[in-house]
Amino acid sequence: MNSHFSFKALCRFSAVLLGLAMASSAQAQMPVLLYHAHPNLGYVEANFTRDMDFLVANDYKAITPDEFMAWKNDNAPLPMRPVLLTVDDNYILVYTSMWPILQARGLKIVNFTISASVGQTAGLHYCSWAQINQMEQSGAIISESHTVTHPHLSTLTRTQQRAEVVNSRAALNSNMPGKNCKFIAYSYGDYNAITLEECATAGYTGGFVVGGGINTHDTPDLELQRKQVDTVTFDRFKDDLGFTAFQTAPGPGWVMDDSDVHFYADETQWPVIAGSSQAGGSGRIHVAGAGAPAEWSAFVPRPGVYRVHARWSSVPARSSAATYTVNHAGGSTSYLVNQRINGDVYNLLGEVQFTTAQAARVSLAPASDGSVNADAVWLEFVSSGVNEWGLY
């Protein structure tokens, strides 16, 4: 946070712009990574290639800002391993270096563009509008606003700030057929309360800073966090990506834990409990009685047959009739389990078919005869074949 932006202003304008935050899974953390396509700012093509190869090898999928916001504000499902990649300033290496690397791997990145610098070749070299449009049409590079002249916004008057955020958005929309610029990255990560007001009025739905934090459902829409990874070690890159935070599956497939982006529950009904018996050191608990279900959801990296397992901790006060419901390619199937026994292990619920077009969803309903523990779900990949029921 820069020194020009007070805590009171943050609270006031976050409330004005966002309204009251919904009860949500604030534990869930979504990484946004930041690059600069210029060697003076730490860009090394071999390192970028290494990073992108790691993403592909570990089933990561680069998402769009719209997908990110749909998850943050509406709990829309994400790919099993999501990441939002960004690059600032629109340097020519976005076109000549990053773009072919991303295209070859089926990845995408958001190119925050300084509109007044587009096409400049004297001194620093920037991508032209023709190149920006070519990359946008490929789907691998999504260009958004990075102001008009890249100033320290907090040092400007309201009128000057308005010109920077309004005119940069207008430049992208007028020079890119069909473009609706909705996102801005504040130059130098510098902003204040006036910036937030002017960006909201200008029509931006998301604003990115360079704070080094990680985003949750409760992060303000115009103060989205990014981690700069140009110059970090490979191990630090993996940490910033959140790779080490995902729970390891006991076998083939993927684990969705209550602490990651694939879980959602009303925290007033499903408070966090800590304990070594919980996967990742924490879980959720719902006391006996009515309420909304907890849910795990994600798009699996590959279609096929999966065994669905659930993990919980067992105590005498748990429900003996907890209901898990799995939504799959053939519809939905419910499974009744006794959470008073078989705790701290993954218990098989059933075998189903998942596709890549429809999110795999597992929900756990509250029960009347005891508390219910929502901890983790393991989607065990069995084969790419089709279950017998899937043929009809």
Protein backbone atom coordinates (compact mmCIF):
# COMPACT_ATOMS: atom_id res chain seq x y z
CA MET A 1 0.00 0.00 0.00
CA ASN A 2 1.41 3.38 -0.92
CA SER A 3 1.73 6.18 1.63
CA HIS A 4 -0.86 8.36 -0.11
CA PHE A 5 -3.69 5.93 0.55
CA SER A 6 -5.17 5.90 4.06
CA PHE A 7 -6.79 2.95 5.77
CA LYS A 8 -9.98 4.93 6.35
CA ALA A 9 -10.19 5.73 2.66
CA LEU A 10 -9.71 2.08 1.83
CA CYS A 11 -12.58 1.03 4.06
CA ARG A 12 -14.86 3.83 2.85
CA PHE A 13 -14.35 3.34 -0.85
CA SER A 14 -14.26 -0.45 -0.71
CA ALA A 15 -17.69 -0.32 0.88
CA VAL A 16 -19.00 2.15 -1.69
CA LEU A 17 -17.67 0.22 -4.66
CA LEU A 18 -18.35 -3.31 -3.53
CA GLY A 19 -21.23 -3.20 -1.11
CA LEU A 20 -21.36 -5.66 1.76
CA ALA A 21 -19.14 -8.69 1.16
CA MET A 22 -21.00 -11.97 0.94
CA ALA A 23 -20.26 -14.67 3.49
CA SER A 24 -17.66 -16.70 1.71
CA SER A 25 -14.63 -18.93 1.94
CA ALA A 26 -12.08 -16.22 2.59
CA GLN A 27 -9.38 -18.88 3.06
CA ALA A 28 -9.40 -19.67 -0.67
CA GLN A 29 -6.48 -17.93 -2.34
CA MET A 30 -6.04 -17.18 -6.03
CA PRO A 31 -2.58 -16.23 -7.34
CA VAL A 32 -2.02 -13.58 -10.01
CA LEU A 33 1.53 -13.47 -11.39
CA LEU A 34 3.24 -10.45 -12.94
CA TYR A 35 5.97 -10.35 -15.61
CA HIS A 36 7.67 -7.53 -17.52
CA ALA A 37 8.78 -8.39 -21.07
CA HIS A 38 11.99 -6.39 -20.92
CA PRO A 39 15.50 -7.56 -19.95
CA ASN A 40 16.11 -4.42 -17.89
CA LEU A 41 13.17 -5.45 -15.72
CA GLY A 42 14.24 -9.04 -15.24
CA TYR A 43 12.78 -10.82 -18.26
CA VAL A 44 14.78 -13.86 -19.39
CA GLU A 45 13.17 -15.91 -22.15
CA ALA A 46 14.64 -19.18 -20.89
CA ASN A 47 13.18 -18.57 -17.44
CA PHE A 48 9.77 -17.66 -18.85
CA THR A 49 9.84 -20.82 -20.97
CA ARG A 50 10.76 -22.86 -17.89
CA ASP A 51 7.86 -21.34 -15.95
CA MET A 52 5.35 -22.02 -18.72
CA ASP A 53 6.61 -25.60 -19.16
CA PHE A 54 6.11 -26.14 -15.44
CA LEU A 55 2.52 -24.92 -15.67
CA VAL A 56 1.72 -27.32 -18.52
CA ALA A 57 3.49 -30.28 -16.90
CA ASN A 58 1.47 -29.78 -13.70
CA ASP A 59 -1.96 -29.35 -15.31
CA TYR A 60 -2.23 -25.60 -14.74
CA LYS A 61 -4.59 -23.65 -16.95
CA ALA A 62 -4.22 -19.90 -17.46
CA ILE A 63 -7.58 -18.22 -16.94
CA THR A 64 -8.97 -14.88 -18.15
CA PRO A 65 -9.70 -11.88 -15.90
CA ASP A 66 -13.41 -12.48 -16.48
CA GLU A 67 -13.10 -16.08 -15.23
CA PHE A 68 -11.14 -14.83 -12.25
CA MET A 69 -13.81 -12.27 -11.34
CA ALA A 70 -16.61 -14.81 -11.81
CA TRP A 71 -14.86 -17.05 -9.27
CA LYS A 72 -14.16 -14.22 -6.85
CA ASN A 73 -17.61 -12.66 -6.84
CA ASP A 74 -19.95 -15.51 -7.87
CA ASN A 75 -18.02 -18.65 -6.86
CA ALA A 76 -17.92 -19.87 -10.46
CA PRO A 77 -15.82 -23.04 -10.82
CA LEU A 78 -12.23 -22.81 -12.06
CA PRO A 79 -9.88 -25.30 -13.71
CA MET A 80 -8.30 -27.75 -11.27
CA ARG A 81 -5.03 -25.78 -11.32
CA PRO A 82 -5.85 -22.15 -12.19
CA VAL A 83 -3.49 -19.20 -12.57
CA LEU A 84 -3.92 -15.68 -13.92
CA LEU A 85 -0.81 -14.49 -15.77
CA THR A 86 -0.16 -10.78 -16.43
CA VAL A 87 2.56 -8.72 -18.11
CA ASP A 88 2.91 -4.96 -17.79
CA ASP A 89 3.84 -2.21 -20.27
CA ASN A 90 3.31 -3.85 -23.71
CA TYR A 91 7.01 -4.11 -24.59
CA ILE A 92 7.82 -5.63 -27.98
CA LEU A 93 9.02 -8.88 -26.38
CA VAL A 94 5.39 -9.62 -25.57
CA TYR A 95 4.96 -10.08 -29.32
CA THR A 96 8.32 -11.55 -30.35
CA SER A 97 9.04 -13.76 -27.32
CA MET A 98 6.11 -14.36 -24.98
CA TRP A 99 3.39 -14.83 -27.56
CA PRO A 100 4.91 -17.80 -29.43
CA ILE A 101 5.84 -19.48 -26.14
CA LEU A 102 2.28 -19.13 -24.84
CA GLN A 103 0.65 -20.18 -28.11
CA ALA A 104 2.72 -23.35 -28.32
CA ARG A 105 1.54 -24.37 -24.84
CA GLY A 106 -2.11 -23.34 -24.99
CA LEU A 107 -1.65 -20.65 -22.33
CA LYS A 108 -2.68 -16.99 -22.16
CA ILE A 109 -1.57 -13.78 -20.47
CA VAL A 110 -3.05 -10.31 -19.85
CA ASN A 111 -0.99 -7.55 -21.50
CA PHE A 112 -1.51 -4.30 -19.56
CA THR A 113 -0.86 -1.64 -22.19
CA ILE A 114 0.36 1.96 -21.88
CA SER A 115 -1.84 3.46 -24.59
CA ALA A 116 0.31 6.50 -25.46
CA SER A 117 3.34 4.25 -26.03
CA VAL A 118 1.73 1.83 -28.47
CA GLY A 119 3.85 1.50 -31.62
CA GLN A 120 6.80 3.54 -30.35
CA THR A 121 10.17 2.30 -31.59
CA ALA A 122 12.51 5.09 -30.49
CA GLY A 123 14.22 4.15 -27.24
CA LEU A 124 11.96 1.57 -25.64
CA HIS A 125 10.16 -0.53 -28.25
CA TYR A 126 6.45 -1.26 -27.78
CA CYS A 127 3.95 -3.43 -29.64
CA SER A 128 1.86 -1.71 -32.32
CA TRP A 129 -1.93 -1.75 -32.54
CA ALA A 130 -1.68 -4.23 -35.41
CA GLN A 131 0.42 -6.56 -33.28
CA ILE A 132 -1.87 -6.11 -30.26
CA ASN A 133 -4.89 -7.03 -32.37
CA GLN A 134 -3.13 -10.02 -33.91
CA MET A 135 -2.28 -11.37 -30.46
CA GLU A 136 -5.76 -10.66 -29.10
CA GLN A 137 -7.40 -12.54 -31.94
CA SER A 138 -5.24 -15.57 -31.18
CA GLY A 139 -6.66 -15.77 -27.67
CA ALA A 140 -3.22 -16.01 -26.10
CA ILE A 141 -2.74 -12.31 -25.29
CA ILE A 142 -5.54 -10.23 -23.76
CA SER A 143 -4.74 -6.50 -23.73
CA GLU A 144 -6.10 -4.24 -21.01
CA SER A 145 -5.35 -0.76 -19.64
CA HIS A 146 -2.14 0.38 -17.96
CA THR A 147 -3.03 4.12 -18.10
CA VAL A 148 -2.11 6.56 -20.88
CA THR A 149 1.40 7.67 -19.84
CA HIS A 150 2.35 5.39 -16.90
CA PRO A 151 2.40 8.07 -14.14
CA HIS A 152 2.33 7.76 -10.36
CA LEU A 153 -1.44 8.17 -10.16
CA SER A 154 -1.52 9.19 -6.49
CA THR A 155 0.50 12.34 -7.28
CA LEU A 156 -2.05 13.59 -9.85
CA THR A 157 -5.16 15.71 -9.44
CA ARG A 158 -8.57 14.14 -9.87
CA THR A 159 -8.87 15.63 -13.37
CA GLN A 160 -5.48 14.27 -14.38
CA GLN A 161 -6.25 10.83 -12.99
CA ARG A 162 -9.57 10.79 -14.82
CA ALA A 163 -7.82 11.51 -18.10
CA GLU A 164 -5.33 8.70 -17.53
CA VAL A 165 -7.90 5.99 -16.76
CA VAL A 166 -10.68 7.14 -19.12
CA ASN A 167 -8.53 7.86 -22.16
CA SER A 168 -6.49 4.67 -21.92
CA ARG A 169 -9.68 2.60 -21.84
CA ALA A 170 -11.07 4.58 -24.77
CA ALA A 171 -7.86 4.04 -26.78
CA LEU A 172 -8.05 0.26 -26.42
CA ASN A 173 -11.74 0.17 -27.25
CA SER A 174 -11.36 2.37 -30.33
CA ASN A 175 -8.25 0.64 -31.70
CA MET A 176 -9.31 -2.94 -31.05
CA PRO A 177 -12.47 -4.01 -32.91
CA GLY A 178 -15.09 -5.38 -30.53
CA LYS A 179 -12.97 -4.68 -27.45
CA ASN A 180 -14.57 -3.85 -24.12
CA CYS A 181 -11.70 -2.92 -21.82
CA LYS A 182 -12.74 -3.71 -18.24
CA PHE A 183 -9.47 -4.07 -16.35
CA ILE A 184 -6.65 -1.76 -15.37
CA ALA A 185 -3.26 -2.23 -13.70
CA TYR A 186 -2.10 0.86 -11.83
CA SER A 187 1.30 2.02 -13.07
CA TYR A 188 3.97 1.37 -10.42
CA GLY A 189 1.15 -0.17 -8.38
CA ASP A 190 0.47 3.36 -7.16
CA TYR A 191 -3.08 4.58 -6.46
CA ASN A 192 -5.26 6.34 -3.92
CA ALA A 193 -8.93 6.77 -3.04
CA ILE A 194 -9.46 9.10 -6.01
CA THR A 195 -8.09 6.42 -8.34
CA LEU A 196 -10.64 3.91 -7.09
CA GLU A 197 -13.49 6.37 -7.56
CA GLU A 198 -12.44 7.35 -11.05
CA CYS A 199 -11.84 3.77 -12.19
CA ALA A 200 -15.27 2.71 -10.98
CA THR A 201 -16.89 5.65 -12.76
CA ALA A 202 -14.91 4.94 -15.94
CA GLY A 203 -16.38 1.43 -16.14
CA TYR A 204 -13.53 -0.76 -14.93
CA THR A 205 -14.66 -3.90 -13.12
CA GLY A 206 -11.21 -4.88 -11.87
CA GLY A 207 -8.02 -3.06 -10.88
CA PHE A 208 -4.64 -4.70 -10.23
CA VAL A 209 -1.91 -3.56 -7.86
CA VAL A 210 1.62 -4.83 -7.22
CA GLY A 211 1.23 -5.61 -3.55
CA GLY A 212 2.57 -9.15 -3.49
CA GLY A 213 -0.55 -10.54 -1.83
CA ILE A 214 -2.95 -13.30 -2.83
CA ASN A 215 -6.59 -12.79 -3.66
CA THR A 216 -9.58 -14.19 -1.80
CA HIS A 217 -13.31 -13.87 -2.39
CA ASP A 218 -13.19 -10.79 -0.16
CA THR A 219 -10.40 -8.88 -1.95
CA PRO A 220 -11.82 -5.56 -3.25
CA ASP A 221 -12.46 -5.65 -7.00
CA LEU A 222 -10.29 -2.61 -7.67
CA GLU A 223 -7.41 -3.71 -5.42
CA LEU A 224 -6.58 -7.14 -6.82
CA GLN A 225 -3.17 -8.42 -5.76
CA ARG A 226 -0.28 -9.61 -7.98
CA LYS A 227 3.09 -11.18 -7.29
CA GLN A 228 6.01 -10.11 -9.46
CA VAL A 229 8.00 -13.16 -10.57
CA ASP A 230 10.47 -11.81 -13.17
CA THR A 231 13.52 -12.10 -10.94
CA VAL A 232 12.57 -14.73 -8.36
CA THR A 233 14.10 -18.18 -8.07
CA PHE A 234 12.29 -21.17 -9.52
CA ASP A 235 11.40 -22.40 -6.03
CA ARG A 236 10.00 -18.98 -5.19
CA PHE A 237 8.02 -19.02 -8.45
CA LYS A 238 6.39 -22.29 -7.38
CA ASP A 239 5.59 -20.85 -3.96
CA ASP A 240 4.10 -17.67 -5.46
CA LEU A 241 2.08 -19.84 -7.82
CA GLY A 242 0.62 -21.66 -4.84
CA PHE A 243 1.87 -25.00 -6.12
CA THR A 244 3.12 -26.08 -2.71
CA ALA A 245 -0.23 -25.21 -1.09
CA PHE A 246 -2.25 -27.81 -2.99
CA GLN A 247 -2.84 -31.06 -1.16
CA THR A 248 -1.07 -34.08 -2.65
CA ALA A 249 -3.40 -36.79 -3.92
CA PRO A 250 -2.89 -40.30 -2.48
CA GLY A 251 -2.87 -41.61 -6.05
CA PRO A 252 -3.74 -40.52 -9.60
CA GLY A 253 -5.92 -37.42 -9.82
CA TRP A 254 -6.42 -34.29 -7.77
CA VAL A 255 -7.48 -33.23 -4.29
CA MET A 256 -9.87 -30.35 -3.63
CA ASP A 257 -9.41 -29.06 -0.08
CA ASP A 258 -11.54 -26.68 1.97
CA SER A 259 -8.66 -24.18 1.95
CA ASP A 260 -8.25 -23.87 -1.82
CA VAL A 261 -10.10 -22.10 -4.63
CA HIS A 262 -12.35 -25.08 -5.37
CA PHE A 263 -14.26 -24.95 -2.09
CA TYR A 264 -17.12 -22.68 -1.14
CA ALA A 265 -19.29 -22.48 1.95
CA ASP A 266 -21.05 -19.80 3.94
CA GLU A 267 -18.55 -19.17 6.71
CA THR A 268 -21.28 -18.19 9.15
CA GLN A 269 -22.65 -21.73 8.83
CA TRP A 270 -19.39 -23.61 8.16
CA PRO A 271 -16.68 -22.07 10.40
CA VAL A 272 -13.07 -23.15 10.10
CA ILE A 273 -11.71 -25.75 12.50
CA ALA A 274 -8.00 -26.40 12.87
CA GLY A 275 -6.42 -29.73 13.60
CA SER A 276 -3.86 -32.25 12.45
CA SER A 277 -6.66 -34.66 11.53
CA GLN A 278 -7.80 -32.26 8.79
CA ALA A 279 -6.14 -32.34 5.35
CA GLY A 280 -4.02 -29.21 5.12
CA GLY A 281 -4.45 -28.55 8.84
CA SER A 282 -7.98 -27.17 8.67
CA GLY A 283 -11.53 -28.13 7.78
CA ARG A 284 -15.10 -26.87 8.13
CA ILE A 285 -17.79 -27.88 10.58
CA HIS A 286 -21.57 -27.50 10.46
CA VAL A 287 -23.48 -28.12 13.66
CA ALA A 288 -26.59 -30.30 13.56
CA GLY A 289 -29.50 -28.66 11.82
CA ALA A 290 -30.60 -27.08 8.58
CA GLY A 291 -28.41 -24.92 6.38
CA ALA A 292 -26.76 -24.48 3.00
CA PRO A 293 -24.41 -27.19 1.71
CA ALA A 294 -20.65 -26.89 1.35
CA GLU A 295 -19.33 -27.47 -2.17
CA TRP A 296 -16.14 -28.44 -3.98
CA SER A 297 -16.09 -27.78 -7.75
CA ALA A 298 -13.55 -27.66 -10.58
CA PHE A 299 -13.07 -28.42 -14.25
CA VAL A 300 -10.97 -31.58 -14.48
CA PRO A 301 -7.91 -31.43 -16.78
CA ARG A 302 -8.96 -34.52 -18.73
CA PRO A 303 -12.26 -36.33 -19.25
CA GLY A 304 -12.79 -39.87 -18.10
CA VAL A 305 -13.80 -42.22 -15.32
CA TYR A 306 -13.09 -41.03 -11.79
CA ARG A 307 -13.47 -42.53 -8.33
CA VAL A 308 -14.70 -39.87 -5.92
CA HIS A 309 -13.38 -40.06 -2.34
CA ALA A 310 -14.22 -37.87 0.65
CA ARG A 311 -12.26 -37.25 3.83
CA TRP A 312 -13.58 -36.20 7.22
CA SER A 313 -12.61 -36.39 10.90
CA SER A 314 -14.61 -38.70 13.15
CA VAL A 315 -15.96 -37.92 16.61
CA PRO A 316 -19.08 -39.27 18.39
CA ALA A 317 -20.96 -36.01 17.78
CA ARG A 318 -20.68 -36.37 13.98
CA SER A 319 -23.65 -37.31 11.83
CA SER A 320 -24.18 -40.97 11.01
CA ALA A 321 -26.13 -39.98 7.88
CA ALA A 322 -24.15 -37.26 6.10
CA THR A 323 -25.06 -36.85 2.44
CA TYR A 324 -22.54 -36.15 -0.33
CA THR A 325 -23.94 -35.39 -3.79
CA VAL A 326 -21.74 -35.71 -6.88
CA ASN A 327 -22.72 -33.91 -10.10
CA HIS A 328 -21.24 -35.70 -13.10
CA ALA A 329 -21.76 -36.29 -16.83
CA GLY A 330 -24.66 -38.65 -16.18
CA GLY A 331 -26.53 -36.38 -13.76
CA SER A 332 -26.12 -36.47 -9.98
CA THR A 333 -25.68 -39.24 -7.43
CA SER A 334 -26.04 -39.00 -3.65
CA TYR A 335 -24.07 -41.04 -1.13
CA LEU A 336 -24.94 -41.51 2.53
CA VAL A 337 -21.95 -41.84 4.88
CA ASN A 338 -21.36 -42.28 8.60
CA GLN A 339 -18.91 -39.59 9.71
CA ARG A 340 -18.64 -41.11 13.19
CA ILE A 341 -16.26 -43.70 11.76
CA ASN A 342 -13.51 -44.01 9.13
CA GLY A 343 -12.04 -40.59 9.87
CA ASP A 344 -8.76 -39.13 8.62
CA VAL A 345 -8.70 -41.24 5.44
CA TYR A 346 -10.18 -40.89 1.96
CA ASN A 347 -13.38 -42.93 1.75
CA LEU A 348 -14.70 -44.07 -1.62
CA LEU A 349 -18.10 -42.62 -2.50
CA GLY A 350 -18.50 -43.97 -6.02
CA GLU A 351 -17.25 -44.10 -9.60
CA VAL A 352 -18.53 -41.56 -12.13
CA GLN A 353 -17.76 -39.91 -15.46
CA PHE A 354 -16.49 -36.32 -15.65
CA THR A 355 -16.06 -34.21 -18.79
CA THR A 356 -13.94 -31.10 -19.34
CA ALA A 357 -16.98 -29.10 -20.45
CA GLN A 358 -18.93 -29.48 -17.20
CA ALA A 359 -17.51 -28.76 -13.76
CA ALA A 360 -17.12 -31.69 -11.41
CA ARG A 361 -19.13 -30.80 -8.30
CA VAL A 362 -19.30 -32.48 -4.91
CA SER A 363 -21.54 -31.05 -2.21
CA LEU A 364 -22.04 -31.98 1.44
CA ALA A 365 -25.35 -31.21 3.12
CA PRO A 366 -25.89 -30.42 6.81
CA ALA A 367 -27.49 -33.20 8.84
CA SER A 368 -30.04 -33.29 11.64
CA ASP A 369 -28.43 -36.02 13.75
CA GLY A 370 -25.02 -34.48 14.32
CA SER A 371 -22.29 -32.18 13.08
CA VAL A 372 -20.83 -32.56 9.59
CA ASN A 373 -17.17 -32.10 8.66
CA ALA A 374 -16.23 -30.75 5.20
CA ASP A 375 -12.53 -31.41 4.71
CA ALA A 376 -11.25 -32.65 1.34
CA VAL A 377 -12.34 -34.54 -1.77
CA TRP A 378 -10.08 -36.68 -3.95
CA LEU A 379 -10.99 -37.17 -7.61
CA GLU A 380 -9.05 -40.31 -8.51
CA PHE A 381 -8.49 -40.57 -12.26
CA VAL A 382 -9.18 -44.13 -13.39
CA SER A 383 -9.21 -44.06 -17.19
CA SER A 384 -10.21 -42.02 -20.21
CA GLY A 385 -12.83 -44.65 -21.10
CA VAL A 386 -16.58 -44.35 -20.65
CA ASN A 387 -18.56 -46.01 -17.90
CA GLU A 388 -21.25 -48.38 -19.09
CA TRP A 389 -24.03 -46.03 -17.99
CA GLY A 390 -22.42 -43.24 -19.99
CA LEU A 391 -23.33 -44.96 -23.27
CA TYR A 392 -27.04 -44.45 -22.81
